[in-house]
Amino acid sequence: MKFFLKRDGEGFLVLNQSARTKYTVLQAAENTKQKIIVESDGKRVVAAISNKNMVIRYFSVKCGKRFYILVPCVGDCFAFAIYGSTYRFAGNMAEGRFSLFDVDKSPIMTQKKCWGKFGDGYEINIYDREQEIFALSVAVCAALYISSAQEKPVLT
């Protein structure tokens, strides 16, 4: 499944291949954290993300009955460590292009910067339908982290 994530004011829109809005991402700031809600096109909340900026900036993601913590780690390339899953990253998240794999190397998602009829944003390919909401939540967290770090994703 292919989606497009693009900025929409203070939030994001997740568009399908037909350019129809499938999910809306809304943000609200509270003291040291930012609350992010992912709503389906029927206005049903499908994920809640907290962006906390303590000693380090990290995200907590609740999708359905699962709960994940995404903590940025810096090495040869920037990525998140995801507590609560066996997923691993490849690529460079700071440049907006990365892949997410399970421990058995089965692909979960890929993301890359794109420019097109949907405007500037990210193209997201999700390979595991059951992980759609989580994969989109990871894409939102990456986009927020990139924009807050004032990194400029580049076309390769």
N, C-alpha and C. Protein backbone atom coordinates (compact mmCIF):
# COMPACT_ATOMS: atom_id res chain seq x y z
N MET A 1 0.84 -1.16 0.00
CA MET A 1 0.00 0.00 0.00
C MET A 1 0.89 1.23 0.00
N LYS A 2 0.54 2.17 -0.82
CA LYS A 2 1.32 3.40 -0.92
C LYS A 2 0.51 4.56 -0.37
N PHE A 3 1.17 5.36 0.46
CA PHE A 3 0.57 6.56 1.03
C PHE A 3 1.52 7.73 0.84
N PHE A 4 0.98 8.93 1.01
CA PHE A 4 1.78 10.15 0.95
C PHE A 4 1.50 10.95 2.21
N LEU A 5 2.57 11.35 2.89
CA LEU A 5 2.46 12.14 4.11
C LEU A 5 2.91 13.55 3.78
N LYS A 6 2.01 14.52 4.02
CA LYS A 6 2.40 15.90 3.75
C LYS A 6 1.90 16.81 4.85
N ARG A 7 2.63 17.89 5.05
CA ARG A 7 2.28 18.90 6.04
C ARG A 7 0.96 19.54 5.67
N ASP A 8 0.18 19.84 6.70
CA ASP A 8 -1.08 20.56 6.53
C ASP A 8 -1.21 21.49 7.73
N GLY A 9 -0.70 22.70 7.59
CA GLY A 9 -0.69 23.64 8.71
C GLY A 9 0.19 23.11 9.82
N GLU A 10 -0.37 22.92 11.00
CA GLU A 10 0.37 22.40 12.15
C GLU A 10 0.39 20.89 12.19
N GLY A 11 -0.39 20.23 11.35
CA GLY A 11 -0.47 18.78 11.36
C GLY A 11 -0.01 18.18 10.05
N PHE A 12 -0.54 17.00 9.75
CA PHE A 12 -0.21 16.29 8.53
C PHE A 12 -1.47 15.68 7.95
N LEU A 13 -1.42 15.41 6.65
CA LEU A 13 -2.44 14.62 5.98
C LEU A 13 -1.76 13.37 5.45
N VAL A 14 -2.44 12.25 5.54
CA VAL A 14 -1.97 11.01 4.92
C VAL A 14 -2.94 10.73 3.77
N LEU A 15 -2.40 10.79 2.56
CA LEU A 15 -3.21 10.61 1.36
C LEU A 15 -2.96 9.23 0.77
N ASN A 16 -4.00 8.67 0.16
CA ASN A 16 -3.80 7.41 -0.55
C ASN A 16 -3.36 7.73 -1.99
N GLN A 17 -3.22 6.72 -2.84
CA GLN A 17 -2.74 6.94 -4.20
C GLN A 17 -3.70 7.75 -5.05
N SER A 18 -4.96 7.83 -4.65
CA SER A 18 -5.95 8.61 -5.39
C SER A 18 -6.03 10.04 -4.89
N ALA A 19 -5.11 10.43 -4.03
CA ALA A 19 -5.04 11.77 -3.44
C ALA A 19 -6.21 12.06 -2.50
N ARG A 20 -6.82 11.03 -1.98
CA ARG A 20 -7.89 11.21 -0.99
C ARG A 20 -7.28 11.09 0.40
N THR A 21 -7.76 11.92 1.31
CA THR A 21 -7.27 11.88 2.68
C THR A 21 -7.75 10.61 3.36
N LYS A 22 -6.80 9.81 3.83
CA LYS A 22 -7.15 8.58 4.56
C LYS A 22 -7.03 8.81 6.06
N TYR A 23 -6.01 9.58 6.48
CA TYR A 23 -5.81 9.89 7.89
C TYR A 23 -5.45 11.36 8.03
N THR A 24 -5.82 11.92 9.18
CA THR A 24 -5.45 13.29 9.53
C THR A 24 -4.65 13.22 10.82
N VAL A 25 -3.55 13.98 10.88
CA VAL A 25 -2.69 14.00 12.07
C VAL A 25 -2.80 15.39 12.68
N LEU A 26 -3.26 15.43 13.92
CA LEU A 26 -3.46 16.69 14.64
C LEU A 26 -2.47 16.78 15.79
N GLN A 27 -2.02 18.02 16.11
CA GLN A 27 -1.05 18.22 17.18
C GLN A 27 -1.55 19.23 18.18
N ALA A 28 -1.22 19.01 19.45
CA ALA A 28 -1.51 19.97 20.51
C ALA A 28 -0.33 19.96 21.48
N ALA A 29 0.11 21.14 21.90
CA ALA A 29 1.26 21.24 22.80
C ALA A 29 0.78 21.37 24.24
N GLU A 30 1.48 20.68 25.14
CA GLU A 30 1.24 20.76 26.58
C GLU A 30 2.59 20.78 27.27
N ASN A 31 2.90 21.79 28.05
CA ASN A 31 4.14 21.92 28.82
C ASN A 31 5.35 21.32 28.10
N THR A 32 5.85 20.18 28.59
CA THR A 32 7.06 19.56 28.01
C THR A 32 6.75 18.48 27.00
N LYS A 33 5.48 18.33 26.63
CA LYS A 33 5.17 17.30 25.65
C LYS A 33 4.19 17.81 24.60
N GLN A 34 4.16 17.09 23.53
CA GLN A 34 3.29 17.39 22.41
C GLN A 34 2.41 16.17 22.21
N LYS A 35 1.11 16.36 22.12
CA LYS A 35 0.18 15.25 21.90
C LYS A 35 -0.21 15.24 20.42
N ILE A 36 -0.07 14.09 19.81
CA ILE A 36 -0.36 13.93 18.38
C ILE A 36 -1.42 12.85 18.25
N ILE A 37 -2.47 13.15 17.52
CA ILE A 37 -3.57 12.21 17.32
C ILE A 37 -3.66 11.87 15.84
N VAL A 38 -3.76 10.59 15.52
CA VAL A 38 -3.97 10.15 14.15
C VAL A 38 -5.43 9.70 14.05
N GLU A 39 -6.18 10.38 13.19
CA GLU A 39 -7.60 10.06 13.00
C GLU A 39 -7.83 9.47 11.63
N SER A 40 -8.75 8.50 11.55
CA SER A 40 -9.13 7.95 10.25
C SER A 40 -10.04 8.95 9.56
N ASP A 41 -10.34 8.69 8.30
CA ASP A 41 -11.21 9.62 7.56
C ASP A 41 -12.60 9.70 8.16
N GLY A 42 -12.96 8.73 9.01
CA GLY A 42 -14.24 8.76 9.71
C GLY A 42 -14.14 9.45 11.06
N LYS A 43 -13.04 10.15 11.30
CA LYS A 43 -12.78 10.89 12.54
C LYS A 43 -12.66 9.99 13.77
N ARG A 44 -12.26 8.73 13.56
CA ARG A 44 -12.02 7.81 14.66
C ARG A 44 -10.53 7.83 14.98
N VAL A 45 -10.16 7.99 16.26
CA VAL A 45 -8.76 8.01 16.67
C VAL A 45 -8.19 6.60 16.52
N VAL A 46 -7.12 6.47 15.71
CA VAL A 46 -6.50 5.16 15.48
C VAL A 46 -5.13 5.05 16.14
N ALA A 47 -4.53 6.19 16.51
CA ALA A 47 -3.24 6.18 17.20
C ALA A 47 -3.08 7.47 18.00
N ALA A 48 -2.38 7.35 19.12
CA ALA A 48 -2.04 8.51 19.93
C ALA A 48 -0.53 8.50 20.14
N ILE A 49 0.10 9.62 19.88
CA ILE A 49 1.56 9.75 20.00
C ILE A 49 1.85 10.88 20.96
N SER A 50 2.74 10.64 21.92
CA SER A 50 3.22 11.69 22.80
C SER A 50 4.67 11.96 22.44
N ASN A 51 4.99 13.21 22.22
CA ASN A 51 6.35 13.62 21.90
C ASN A 51 6.88 14.34 23.13
N LYS A 52 7.75 13.67 23.86
CA LYS A 52 8.27 14.23 25.11
C LYS A 52 9.69 14.70 24.91
N ASN A 53 9.97 15.87 25.43
CA ASN A 53 11.30 16.47 25.29
C ASN A 53 11.89 16.63 26.68
N MET A 54 12.47 15.57 27.19
CA MET A 54 13.09 15.61 28.51
C MET A 54 14.59 15.79 28.29
N VAL A 55 15.40 14.86 28.74
CA VAL A 55 16.84 14.92 28.48
C VAL A 55 17.08 14.69 26.99
N ILE A 56 16.34 13.73 26.44
CA ILE A 56 16.34 13.51 25.00
C ILE A 56 14.89 13.56 24.53
N ARG A 57 14.71 13.80 23.28
CA ARG A 57 13.37 13.85 22.72
C ARG A 57 12.97 12.45 22.28
N TYR A 58 11.85 11.95 22.79
CA TYR A 58 11.39 10.62 22.39
C TYR A 58 9.89 10.63 22.18
N PHE A 59 9.39 9.59 21.53
CA PHE A 59 7.98 9.47 21.21
C PHE A 59 7.43 8.20 21.84
N SER A 60 6.24 8.28 22.40
CA SER A 60 5.52 7.08 22.82
C SER A 60 4.31 6.96 21.90
N VAL A 61 4.11 5.77 21.36
CA VAL A 61 3.07 5.53 20.36
C VAL A 61 2.12 4.45 20.87
N LYS A 62 0.83 4.76 20.85
CA LYS A 62 -0.19 3.76 21.21
C LYS A 62 -1.05 3.51 19.98
N CYS A 63 -1.00 2.28 19.48
CA CYS A 63 -1.80 1.84 18.33
C CYS A 63 -2.59 0.62 18.77
N GLY A 64 -3.89 0.75 18.82
CA GLY A 64 -4.70 -0.38 19.28
C GLY A 64 -4.33 -0.74 20.70
N LYS A 65 -3.97 -2.00 20.91
CA LYS A 65 -3.59 -2.45 22.26
C LYS A 65 -2.09 -2.45 22.46
N ARG A 66 -1.33 -2.07 21.45
CA ARG A 66 0.14 -2.07 21.55
C ARG A 66 0.66 -0.70 21.93
N PHE A 67 1.80 -0.69 22.61
CA PHE A 67 2.43 0.54 23.06
C PHE A 67 3.92 0.45 22.73
N TYR A 68 4.46 1.46 22.09
CA TYR A 68 5.86 1.47 21.67
C TYR A 68 6.53 2.76 22.15
N ILE A 69 7.83 2.69 22.39
CA ILE A 69 8.64 3.87 22.69
C ILE A 69 9.68 3.99 21.59
N LEU A 70 9.74 5.15 20.94
CA LEU A 70 10.73 5.41 19.89
C LEU A 70 11.75 6.39 20.45
N VAL A 71 12.97 5.94 20.60
CA VAL A 71 14.04 6.76 21.14
C VAL A 71 15.08 6.97 20.05
N PRO A 72 15.42 8.24 19.74
CA PRO A 72 16.42 8.47 18.70
C PRO A 72 17.80 7.98 19.14
N CYS A 73 18.52 7.38 18.23
CA CYS A 73 19.90 6.99 18.50
C CYS A 73 20.74 7.43 17.31
N VAL A 74 21.92 7.89 17.60
CA VAL A 74 22.80 8.41 16.56
C VAL A 74 23.99 7.48 16.43
N GLY A 75 24.26 7.09 15.23
CA GLY A 75 25.41 6.24 14.92
C GLY A 75 25.89 6.65 13.55
N ASP A 76 26.14 5.67 12.70
CA ASP A 76 26.52 5.98 11.33
C ASP A 76 25.37 6.70 10.63
N CYS A 77 24.15 6.35 10.98
CA CYS A 77 23.00 7.05 10.44
C CYS A 77 21.96 7.16 11.55
N PHE A 78 21.22 8.22 11.55
CA PHE A 78 20.21 8.44 12.58
C PHE A 78 19.04 7.49 12.39
N ALA A 79 18.54 6.91 13.45
CA ALA A 79 17.34 6.08 13.42
C ALA A 79 16.75 6.06 14.83
N PHE A 80 15.62 5.42 14.97
CA PHE A 80 15.01 5.23 16.28
C PHE A 80 15.29 3.81 16.77
N ALA A 81 15.45 3.67 18.07
CA ALA A 81 15.36 2.36 18.69
C ALA A 81 13.90 2.23 19.09
N ILE A 82 13.27 1.12 18.77
CA ILE A 82 11.85 0.94 19.05
C ILE A 82 11.70 -0.10 20.15
N TYR A 83 11.35 0.37 21.34
CA TYR A 83 11.10 -0.54 22.45
C TYR A 83 9.67 -1.03 22.36
N GLY A 84 9.47 -2.31 22.49
CA GLY A 84 8.14 -2.90 22.36
C GLY A 84 7.96 -3.63 21.04
N SER A 85 9.05 -3.75 20.25
CA SER A 85 8.96 -4.47 18.98
C SER A 85 10.32 -5.06 18.63
N THR A 86 10.34 -5.86 17.58
CA THR A 86 11.59 -6.45 17.09
C THR A 86 12.03 -5.76 15.79
N TYR A 87 11.50 -4.58 15.51
CA TYR A 87 11.78 -3.89 14.26
C TYR A 87 13.13 -3.19 14.27
N ARG A 88 13.74 -3.11 13.08
CA ARG A 88 15.04 -2.48 12.89
C ARG A 88 14.97 -1.55 11.69
N PHE A 89 15.83 -0.54 11.69
CA PHE A 89 15.87 0.43 10.60
C PHE A 89 17.07 0.20 9.68
N ALA A 90 16.90 0.61 8.43
CA ALA A 90 18.00 0.69 7.46
C ALA A 90 17.80 2.00 6.71
N GLY A 91 18.87 2.60 6.26
CA GLY A 91 18.77 3.88 5.56
C GLY A 91 19.12 5.02 6.48
N ASN A 92 18.70 6.22 6.12
CA ASN A 92 19.04 7.40 6.91
C ASN A 92 17.78 8.21 7.17
N MET A 93 17.27 8.13 8.37
CA MET A 93 16.05 8.82 8.73
C MET A 93 16.22 10.33 8.66
N ALA A 94 17.38 10.86 9.00
CA ALA A 94 17.62 12.30 8.96
C ALA A 94 17.46 12.87 7.55
N GLU A 95 17.68 12.03 6.54
CA GLU A 95 17.48 12.45 5.16
C GLU A 95 16.08 12.10 4.66
N GLY A 96 15.26 11.49 5.52
CA GLY A 96 13.89 11.17 5.15
C GLY A 96 13.73 9.92 4.32
N ARG A 97 14.78 9.12 4.20
CA ARG A 97 14.66 7.87 3.43
C ARG A 97 15.20 6.72 4.28
N PHE A 98 14.29 5.82 4.57
CA PHE A 98 14.65 4.69 5.42
C PHE A 98 13.66 3.55 5.20
N SER A 99 14.04 2.39 5.71
CA SER A 99 13.18 1.21 5.68
C SER A 99 13.07 0.67 7.10
N LEU A 100 11.96 0.02 7.37
CA LEU A 100 11.73 -0.62 8.65
C LEU A 100 11.50 -2.10 8.38
N PHE A 101 12.29 -2.95 9.05
CA PHE A 101 12.23 -4.40 8.86
C PHE A 101 11.98 -5.09 10.18
N ASP A 102 11.38 -6.28 10.13
CA ASP A 102 11.25 -7.10 11.32
C ASP A 102 12.56 -7.86 11.49
N VAL A 103 12.71 -8.50 12.62
CA VAL A 103 13.95 -9.22 12.92
C VAL A 103 14.23 -10.33 11.91
N ASP A 104 13.18 -10.89 11.29
CA ASP A 104 13.37 -11.93 10.27
C ASP A 104 13.63 -11.33 8.88
N LYS A 105 13.86 -10.03 8.83
CA LYS A 105 14.17 -9.26 7.62
C LYS A 105 12.99 -9.09 6.68
N SER A 106 11.77 -9.37 7.15
CA SER A 106 10.60 -9.10 6.32
C SER A 106 10.31 -7.59 6.40
N PRO A 107 10.06 -6.96 5.25
CA PRO A 107 9.86 -5.50 5.25
C PRO A 107 8.52 -5.11 5.87
N ILE A 108 8.54 -4.03 6.63
CA ILE A 108 7.33 -3.45 7.21
C ILE A 108 6.94 -2.21 6.41
N MET A 109 7.93 -1.32 6.16
CA MET A 109 7.66 -0.08 5.44
C MET A 109 8.94 0.50 4.86
N THR A 110 8.78 1.37 3.86
CA THR A 110 9.86 2.22 3.37
C THR A 110 9.31 3.64 3.27
N GLN A 111 10.20 4.59 3.39
CA GLN A 111 9.81 5.99 3.27
C GLN A 111 10.89 6.73 2.50
N LYS A 112 10.45 7.67 1.66
CA LYS A 112 11.40 8.53 0.96
C LYS A 112 10.76 9.88 0.70
N LYS A 113 11.59 10.90 0.59
CA LYS A 113 11.13 12.25 0.29
C LYS A 113 10.62 12.27 -1.14
N CYS A 114 9.53 12.99 -1.37
CA CYS A 114 9.02 13.08 -2.74
C CYS A 114 8.44 14.46 -3.00
N TRP A 115 8.44 14.81 -4.25
CA TRP A 115 7.82 16.04 -4.72
C TRP A 115 6.88 15.61 -5.83
N GLY A 116 5.68 16.13 -5.84
CA GLY A 116 4.75 15.71 -6.89
C GLY A 116 3.42 16.41 -6.79
N LYS A 117 2.42 15.80 -7.40
CA LYS A 117 1.11 16.42 -7.45
C LYS A 117 0.48 16.57 -6.08
N PHE A 118 0.98 15.82 -5.09
CA PHE A 118 0.45 15.93 -3.73
C PHE A 118 1.18 17.01 -2.94
N GLY A 119 2.19 17.63 -3.52
CA GLY A 119 3.01 18.62 -2.81
C GLY A 119 4.25 17.94 -2.24
N ASP A 120 5.10 18.71 -1.59
CA ASP A 120 6.30 18.15 -0.96
C ASP A 120 5.89 17.31 0.24
N GLY A 121 6.51 16.17 0.37
CA GLY A 121 6.19 15.30 1.50
C GLY A 121 6.98 14.02 1.42
N TYR A 122 6.39 12.96 1.92
CA TYR A 122 7.04 11.66 1.95
C TYR A 122 6.14 10.61 1.32
N GLU A 123 6.75 9.75 0.54
CA GLU A 123 6.06 8.59 0.00
C GLU A 123 6.33 7.44 0.95
N ILE A 124 5.28 6.77 1.38
CA ILE A 124 5.40 5.68 2.34
C ILE A 124 4.80 4.42 1.72
N ASN A 125 5.58 3.37 1.65
CA ASN A 125 5.11 2.08 1.16
C ASN A 125 5.04 1.14 2.36
N ILE A 126 3.86 0.57 2.60
CA ILE A 126 3.66 -0.32 3.74
C ILE A 126 3.39 -1.72 3.19
N TYR A 127 4.17 -2.68 3.67
CA TYR A 127 4.11 -4.04 3.15
C TYR A 127 3.31 -4.98 4.03
N ASP A 128 3.07 -4.61 5.27
CA ASP A 128 2.33 -5.44 6.20
C ASP A 128 1.08 -4.67 6.62
N ARG A 129 -0.06 -5.05 6.07
CA ARG A 129 -1.32 -4.34 6.32
C ARG A 129 -1.64 -4.24 7.81
N GLU A 130 -1.29 -5.26 8.57
CA GLU A 130 -1.57 -5.25 10.01
C GLU A 130 -0.77 -4.17 10.74
N GLN A 131 0.32 -3.72 10.15
CA GLN A 131 1.16 -2.71 10.78
C GLN A 131 0.97 -1.31 10.17
N GLU A 132 -0.11 -1.11 9.43
CA GLU A 132 -0.34 0.16 8.73
C GLU A 132 -0.31 1.35 9.67
N ILE A 133 -1.07 1.30 10.75
CA ILE A 133 -1.16 2.43 11.67
C ILE A 133 0.18 2.68 12.35
N PHE A 134 0.84 1.61 12.80
CA PHE A 134 2.15 1.78 13.43
C PHE A 134 3.16 2.37 12.44
N ALA A 135 3.19 1.85 11.22
CA ALA A 135 4.14 2.35 10.22
C ALA A 135 3.88 3.83 9.92
N LEU A 136 2.63 4.22 9.82
CA LEU A 136 2.33 5.64 9.59
C LEU A 136 2.72 6.48 10.80
N SER A 137 2.57 5.93 12.00
CA SER A 137 2.99 6.64 13.21
C SER A 137 4.50 6.85 13.22
N VAL A 138 5.26 5.85 12.80
CA VAL A 138 6.72 5.98 12.69
C VAL A 138 7.07 7.08 11.68
N ALA A 139 6.36 7.11 10.56
CA ALA A 139 6.61 8.14 9.54
C ALA A 139 6.33 9.53 10.09
N VAL A 140 5.26 9.68 10.86
CA VAL A 140 4.95 10.98 11.47
C VAL A 140 6.04 11.38 12.46
N CYS A 141 6.47 10.43 13.30
CA CYS A 141 7.55 10.72 14.27
C CYS A 141 8.83 11.14 13.55
N ALA A 142 9.17 10.44 12.48
CA ALA A 142 10.37 10.79 11.71
C ALA A 142 10.23 12.18 11.11
N ALA A 143 9.08 12.51 10.54
CA ALA A 143 8.87 13.83 9.95
C ALA A 143 8.96 14.93 11.00
N LEU A 144 8.40 14.69 12.18
CA LEU A 144 8.49 15.66 13.26
C LEU A 144 9.93 15.84 13.74
N TYR A 145 10.66 14.74 13.85
CA TYR A 145 12.04 14.81 14.30
C TYR A 145 12.92 15.53 13.28
N ILE A 146 12.71 15.24 12.01
CA ILE A 146 13.47 15.90 10.95
C ILE A 146 13.21 17.40 10.97
N SER A 147 11.93 17.78 11.05
CA SER A 147 11.60 19.21 11.01
C SER A 147 12.08 19.93 12.26
N SER A 148 12.05 19.27 13.43
CA SER A 148 12.50 19.93 14.65
C SER A 148 14.01 20.09 14.67
N ALA A 149 14.71 19.15 14.05
CA ALA A 149 16.17 19.23 13.98
C ALA A 149 16.61 20.15 12.85
N GLN A 150 15.64 20.67 12.11
CA GLN A 150 15.87 21.54 10.97
C GLN A 150 16.77 20.90 9.94
N GLU A 151 16.64 19.56 9.83
CA GLU A 151 17.34 18.83 8.79
C GLU A 151 16.57 19.03 7.50
N LYS A 152 17.24 19.13 6.41
CA LYS A 152 16.61 19.26 5.11
C LYS A 152 16.78 17.97 4.34
N PRO A 153 15.71 17.17 4.22
CA PRO A 153 15.82 15.95 3.41
C PRO A 153 16.21 16.29 1.97
N VAL A 154 17.00 15.45 1.38
CA VAL A 154 17.47 15.70 0.03
C VAL A 154 17.01 14.61 -0.91
N LEU A 155 16.81 14.96 -2.16
CA LEU A 155 16.46 14.00 -3.18
C LEU A 155 17.71 13.28 -3.62
N THR A 156 17.64 11.94 -3.66
CA THR A 156 18.83 11.19 -4.09
C THR A 156 18.57 10.53 -5.41
